[in-house]
Every structure is written in structure tokens, then in C-alpha cells.
Amino acid sequence: MHIEAFAQSDVGRQRSQNQDAFIIDKEIGLYVVCDGMGGHAAGDVASTRAVGLSQEILRQYQHEIQHAIARPGGHFRIVQMVTDTVRAVCQSVYQMAEDDPRYSGMGTTLTLLLVVGEKAVLAHVGDSRLYLLRAGKLHQMTNDHTL
């Protein structure tokens, strides 16, 4: 499998502050993009925390992930690790908002892809989309979560 990844963020024409955060960590096969919720307090803090904590947790799981791919049914364990990571990230962002009045109401989207061997696990909360470009065709892999 050949993976090419790049990321770029732009504040655009509507806002004065960029609330996007992303990471490409090829060593562990991690790709994350977060978009702090526009108009909400400290969206940039939320997105930066979500990206950083996702990487931190999945790096801690790295040894276990490598062992899981070699075992029958190990992919279920990898899915559980990604699920646990997203839950921990959500809890951390929520707790930051609860503990500090400056962050009250902050939020972020999170789209995470963990590539392990020839397979990948996707986690997605919000409306930051993930696309797959294969054989010249673009495929939308996520559906927006909107109110």
C-alpha cells in the first residue's frame, strides 16, 4: 500500500483566527485532522489538544498494536484502542472546558485514521471529512455529523 499525505490549513476569508489542527505521524501510521468549532470559545485549544492527545495515546499503544496485527482477531483489539483513544480525547477536551472558564463551550471535530499494515481504522466525530483517492477516483469515507 502506498500512502501519500499532506496537510495545509488556511484561515479563509470569513474568520480572523484559524482553529484547525492536524498531524501526520508516518512512524505509527496516524493521520488526524481537527477543526475547532467556529464561533465557540477556544476552538483552537480544543483542536490542538485533540490532535496532540490522540498522537500521545496511540504512540503508547504502538507496541500493542504491532502485536495485535499478528494475532487472529487482533484487528478488533486495534479498533478498541482507537475507540478508547477517541473517548479519552473527548473526555479531556470536555474536562478542560469544565475546569477553566476561558474554555467554556469549546469543541472540535475529530477525524482520525490509523493505518496498520494493509488495513486502516477510521474514527470520526463531526463534519471534518475523510476522502480516499484510489485509481483516480475520490471516495468520501465519512458522513457529516450535524444537528
C-alpha atoms as a PDB file:
ATOM      1  CA  MET A   1       0.000   0.000   0.000  1.00  0.00           C
ATOM      2  CA  HIS A   2       1.308   3.437  -0.935  1.00  0.00           C
ATOM      3  CA  ILE A   3       0.154   6.360   1.177  1.00  0.00           C
ATOM      4  CA  GLU A   4       0.701   9.997   0.355  1.00  0.00           C
ATOM      5  CA  ALA A   5      -0.407  12.523   2.908  1.00  0.00           C
ATOM      6  CA  PHE A   6      -0.133  16.240   3.186  1.00  0.00           C
ATOM      7  CA  ALA A   7      -1.938  18.865   5.176  1.00  0.00           C
ATOM      8  CA  GLN A   8      -2.496  22.559   4.875  1.00  0.00           C
ATOM      9  CA  SER A   9      -4.662  24.914   6.815  1.00  0.00           C
ATOM     10  CA  ASP A  10      -5.922  28.344   5.890  1.00  0.00           C
ATOM     11  CA  VAL A  11      -7.932  30.811   7.930  1.00  0.00           C
ATOM     12  CA  GLY A  12     -10.039  31.622   4.875  1.00  0.00           C
ATOM     13  CA  ARG A  13     -11.943  34.833   4.223  1.00  0.00           C
ATOM     14  CA  GLN A  14     -14.647  34.603   6.894  1.00  0.00           C
ATOM     15  CA  ARG A  15     -12.650  34.346  10.131  1.00  0.00           C
ATOM     16  CA  SER A  16      -9.728  36.103  11.745  1.00  0.00           C
ATOM     17  CA  GLN A  17      -8.479  33.024  13.608  1.00  0.00           C
ATOM     18  CA  ASN A  18      -7.678  29.531  12.406  1.00  0.00           C
ATOM     19  CA  GLN A  19      -8.978  26.768  14.681  1.00  0.00           C
ATOM     20  CA  ASP A  20      -7.652  23.820  12.666  1.00  0.00           C
ATOM     21  CA  ALA A  21      -5.055  21.346  13.881  1.00  0.00           C
ATOM     22  CA  PHE A  22      -3.618  18.274  12.201  1.00  0.00           C
ATOM     23  CA  ILE A  23      -0.858  15.722  12.447  1.00  0.00           C
ATOM     24  CA  ILE A  24       0.773  13.290  10.086  1.00  0.00           C
ATOM     25  CA  ASP A  25       2.778  10.711  12.027  1.00  0.00           C
ATOM     26  CA  LYS A  26       4.019   8.235   9.419  1.00  0.00           C
ATOM     27  CA  GLU A  27       6.043   6.321  12.008  1.00  0.00           C
ATOM     28  CA  ILE A  28       2.887   4.960  13.630  1.00  0.00           C
ATOM     29  CA  GLY A  29       0.579   5.414  10.623  1.00  0.00           C
ATOM     30  CA  LEU A  30      -1.503   8.146  12.265  1.00  0.00           C
ATOM     31  CA  TYR A  31      -3.346  10.887  10.411  1.00  0.00           C
ATOM     32  CA  VAL A  32      -5.589  13.281  12.348  1.00  0.00           C
ATOM     33  CA  VAL A  33      -7.426  16.471  11.465  1.00  0.00           C
ATOM     34  CA  CYS A  34      -9.472  18.549  13.904  1.00  0.00           C
ATOM     35  CA  ASP A  35     -11.415  21.740  13.370  1.00  0.00           C
ATOM     36  CA  GLY A  36     -12.212  23.794  16.436  1.00  0.00           C
ATOM     37  CA  MET A  37     -15.873  24.634  16.325  1.00  0.00           C
ATOM     38  CA  GLY A  38     -16.204  28.008  14.667  1.00  0.00           C
ATOM     39  CA  GLY A  39     -17.628  30.713  16.831  1.00  0.00           C
ATOM     40  CA  HIS A  40     -17.045  28.723  20.005  1.00  0.00           C
ATOM     41  CA  ALA A  41     -14.603  29.864  22.642  1.00  0.00           C
ATOM     42  CA  ALA A  42     -11.136  28.358  22.375  1.00  0.00           C
ATOM     43  CA  GLY A  43     -11.822  26.085  19.419  1.00  0.00           C
ATOM     44  CA  ASP A  44      -8.114  26.291  18.615  1.00  0.00           C
ATOM     45  CA  VAL A  45      -7.286  24.975  22.095  1.00  0.00           C
ATOM     46  CA  ALA A  46      -9.728  22.094  21.685  1.00  0.00           C
ATOM     47  CA  SER A  47      -8.421  21.067  18.258  1.00  0.00           C
ATOM     48  CA  THR A  48      -4.775  21.302  19.318  1.00  0.00           C
ATOM     49  CA  ARG A  49      -5.458  19.224  22.437  1.00  0.00           C
ATOM     50  CA  ALA A  50      -7.397  16.612  20.464  1.00  0.00           C
ATOM     51  CA  VAL A  51      -4.629  16.147  17.893  1.00  0.00           C
ATOM     52  CA  GLY A  52      -1.835  16.036  20.465  1.00  0.00           C
ATOM     53  CA  LEU A  53      -3.568  13.662  22.838  1.00  0.00           C
ATOM     54  CA  SER A  54      -4.578  11.317  20.003  1.00  0.00           C
ATOM     55  CA  GLN A  55      -0.947  11.006  18.994  1.00  0.00           C
ATOM     56  CA  GLU A  56       0.255  10.636  22.579  1.00  0.00           C
ATOM     57  CA  ILE A  57      -2.168   7.821  23.407  1.00  0.00           C
ATOM     58  CA  LEU A  58      -1.706   5.898  20.162  1.00  0.00           C
ATOM     59  CA  ARG A  59       2.083   6.112  20.499  1.00  0.00           C
ATOM     60  CA  GLN A  60       1.679   4.486  23.917  1.00  0.00           C
ATOM     61  CA  TYR A  61      -0.335   1.713  22.245  1.00  0.00           C
ATOM     62  CA  GLN A  62       2.209   1.312  19.421  1.00  0.00           C
ATOM     63  CA  HIS A  63       3.838  -1.881  20.756  1.00  0.00           C
ATOM     64  CA  GLU A  64       0.456  -3.462  21.495  1.00  0.00           C
ATOM     65  CA  ILE A  65      -0.857  -2.504  18.059  1.00  0.00           C
ATOM     66  CA  GLN A  66       2.074  -4.190  16.329  1.00  0.00           C
ATOM     67  CA  HIS A  67       1.470  -7.382  18.298  1.00  0.00           C
ATOM     68  CA  ALA A  68      -2.289  -7.282  17.661  1.00  0.00           C
ATOM     69  CA  ILE A  69      -1.958  -7.302  13.865  1.00  0.00           C
ATOM     70  CA  ALA A  70      -0.124 -10.631  14.039  1.00  0.00           C
ATOM     71  CA  ARG A  71      -2.892 -12.347  16.025  1.00  0.00           C
ATOM     72  CA  PRO A  72      -6.160 -13.746  14.687  1.00  0.00           C
ATOM     73  CA  GLY A  73      -8.893 -11.268  15.556  1.00  0.00           C
ATOM     74  CA  GLY A  74      -6.269  -8.718  16.592  1.00  0.00           C
ATOM     75  CA  HIS A  75      -7.927  -6.066  14.445  1.00  0.00           C
ATOM     76  CA  PHE A  76     -10.790  -5.994  16.962  1.00  0.00           C
ATOM     77  CA  ARG A  77      -8.277  -5.003  19.650  1.00  0.00           C
ATOM     78  CA  ILE A  78      -6.902  -2.235  17.426  1.00  0.00           C
ATOM     79  CA  VAL A  79     -10.423  -0.899  16.849  1.00  0.00           C
ATOM     80  CA  GLN A  80     -10.929  -0.905  20.625  1.00  0.00           C
ATOM     81  CA  MET A  81      -7.679   1.040  21.156  1.00  0.00           C
ATOM     82  CA  VAL A  82      -8.797   3.676  18.657  1.00  0.00           C
ATOM     83  CA  THR A  83     -12.234   3.839  20.313  1.00  0.00           C
ATOM     84  CA  ASP A  84     -10.608   4.241  23.731  1.00  0.00           C
ATOM     85  CA  THR A  85      -8.376   6.978  22.322  1.00  0.00           C
ATOM     86  CA  VAL A  86     -11.305   8.980  20.952  1.00  0.00           C
ATOM     87  CA  ARG A  87     -13.187   8.630  24.236  1.00  0.00           C
ATOM     88  CA  ALA A  88     -10.150   9.836  26.197  1.00  0.00           C
ATOM     89  CA  VAL A  89      -9.727  12.798  23.843  1.00  0.00           C
ATOM     90  CA  CYS A  90     -13.401  13.756  24.150  1.00  0.00           C
ATOM     91  CA  GLN A  91     -13.234  13.475  27.940  1.00  0.00           C
ATOM     92  CA  SER A  92     -10.063  15.582  28.083  1.00  0.00           C
ATOM     93  CA  VAL A  93     -11.469  18.392  25.935  1.00  0.00           C
ATOM     94  CA  TYR A  94     -14.721  18.350  27.907  1.00  0.00           C
ATOM     95  CA  GLN A  95     -12.861  18.431  31.234  1.00  0.00           C
ATOM     96  CA  MET A  96     -10.693  21.345  30.108  1.00  0.00           C
ATOM     97  CA  ALA A  97     -13.854  23.278  29.244  1.00  0.00           C
ATOM     98  CA  GLU A  98     -15.401  22.424  32.615  1.00  0.00           C
ATOM     99  CA  ASP A  99     -12.298  23.318  34.640  1.00  0.00           C
ATOM    100  CA  ASP A 100     -11.360  26.632  33.027  1.00  0.00           C
ATOM    101  CA  PRO A 101     -13.933  29.369  32.326  1.00  0.00           C
ATOM    102  CA  ARG A 102     -11.789  30.633  29.419  1.00  0.00           C
ATOM    103  CA  TYR A 103     -12.520  27.367  27.627  1.00  0.00           C
ATOM    104  CA  SER A 104     -16.211  27.122  28.415  1.00  0.00           C
ATOM    105  CA  GLY A 105     -18.123  25.898  25.376  1.00  0.00           C
ATOM    106  CA  MET A 106     -15.078  24.920  23.345  1.00  0.00           C
ATOM    107  CA  GLY A 107     -15.335  21.996  20.979  1.00  0.00           C
ATOM    108  CA  THR A 108     -13.754  20.373  17.975  1.00  0.00           C
ATOM    109  CA  THR A 109     -14.336  17.888  15.228  1.00  0.00           C
ATOM    110  CA  LEU A 110     -12.007  14.891  15.014  1.00  0.00           C
ATOM    111  CA  THR A 111     -11.221  12.678  12.063  1.00  0.00           C
ATOM    112  CA  LEU A 112      -8.567  10.057  12.720  1.00  0.00           C
ATOM    113  CA  LEU A 113      -7.073   7.378  10.511  1.00  0.00           C
ATOM    114  CA  LEU A 114      -4.699   4.748  11.870  1.00  0.00           C
ATOM    115  CA  VAL A 115      -3.024   2.642   9.189  1.00  0.00           C
ATOM    116  CA  VAL A 116      -1.754  -0.706  10.437  1.00  0.00           C
ATOM    117  CA  GLY A 117      -0.157  -2.933   7.846  1.00  0.00           C
ATOM    118  CA  GLU A 118      -2.543  -3.214   4.917  1.00  0.00           C
ATOM    119  CA  LYS A 119      -5.606  -2.129   6.909  1.00  0.00           C
ATOM    120  CA  ALA A 120      -6.830   1.079   8.482  1.00  0.00           C
ATOM    121  CA  VAL A 121      -9.127   2.119  11.304  1.00  0.00           C
ATOM    122  CA  LEU A 122     -11.163   5.299  10.987  1.00  0.00           C
ATOM    123  CA  ALA A 123     -12.671   7.326  13.812  1.00  0.00           C
ATOM    124  CA  HIS A 124     -14.847  10.329  13.085  1.00  0.00           C
ATOM    125  CA  VAL A 125     -16.761  12.910  15.115  1.00  0.00           C
ATOM    126  CA  GLY A 126     -18.201  15.995  13.462  1.00  0.00           C
ATOM    127  CA  ASP A 127     -18.007  17.281   9.915  1.00  0.00           C
ATOM    128  CA  SER A 128     -14.311  17.147   9.003  1.00  0.00           C
ATOM    129  CA  ARG A 129     -14.456  14.706   6.121  1.00  0.00           C
ATOM    130  CA  LEU A 130     -12.106  11.929   5.136  1.00  0.00           C
ATOM    131  CA  TYR A 131     -11.680  11.073   1.469  1.00  0.00           C
ATOM    132  CA  LEU A 132      -9.889   8.198  -0.215  1.00  0.00           C
ATOM    133  CA  LEU A 133      -8.307   8.801  -3.599  1.00  0.00           C
ATOM    134  CA  ARG A 134      -7.837   5.479  -5.365  1.00  0.00           C
ATOM    135  CA  ALA A 135      -7.219   4.858  -9.051  1.00  0.00           C
ATOM    136  CA  GLY A 136      -8.032   8.467  -9.846  1.00  0.00           C
ATOM    137  CA  LYS A 137     -11.432   8.356  -8.142  1.00  0.00           C
ATOM    138  CA  LEU A 138     -12.304  10.259  -4.978  1.00  0.00           C
ATOM    139  CA  HIS A 139     -14.427   8.442  -2.392  1.00  0.00           C
ATOM    140  CA  GLN A 140     -15.981  10.180   0.630  1.00  0.00           C
ATOM    141  CA  MET A 141     -15.354   7.843   3.592  1.00  0.00           C
ATOM    142  CA  THR A 142     -17.269   9.716   6.306  1.00  0.00           C
ATOM    143  CA  ASN A 143     -20.670  11.315   6.722  1.00  0.00           C
ATOM    144  CA  ASP A 144     -21.069  14.637   8.484  1.00  0.00           C
ATOM    145  CA  HIS A 145     -22.456  14.616  11.992  1.00  0.00           C
ATOM    146  CA  THR A 146     -24.582  17.745  12.133  1.00  0.00           C
ATOM    147  CA  LEU A 147     -27.563  18.909  14.128  1.00  0.00           C
END
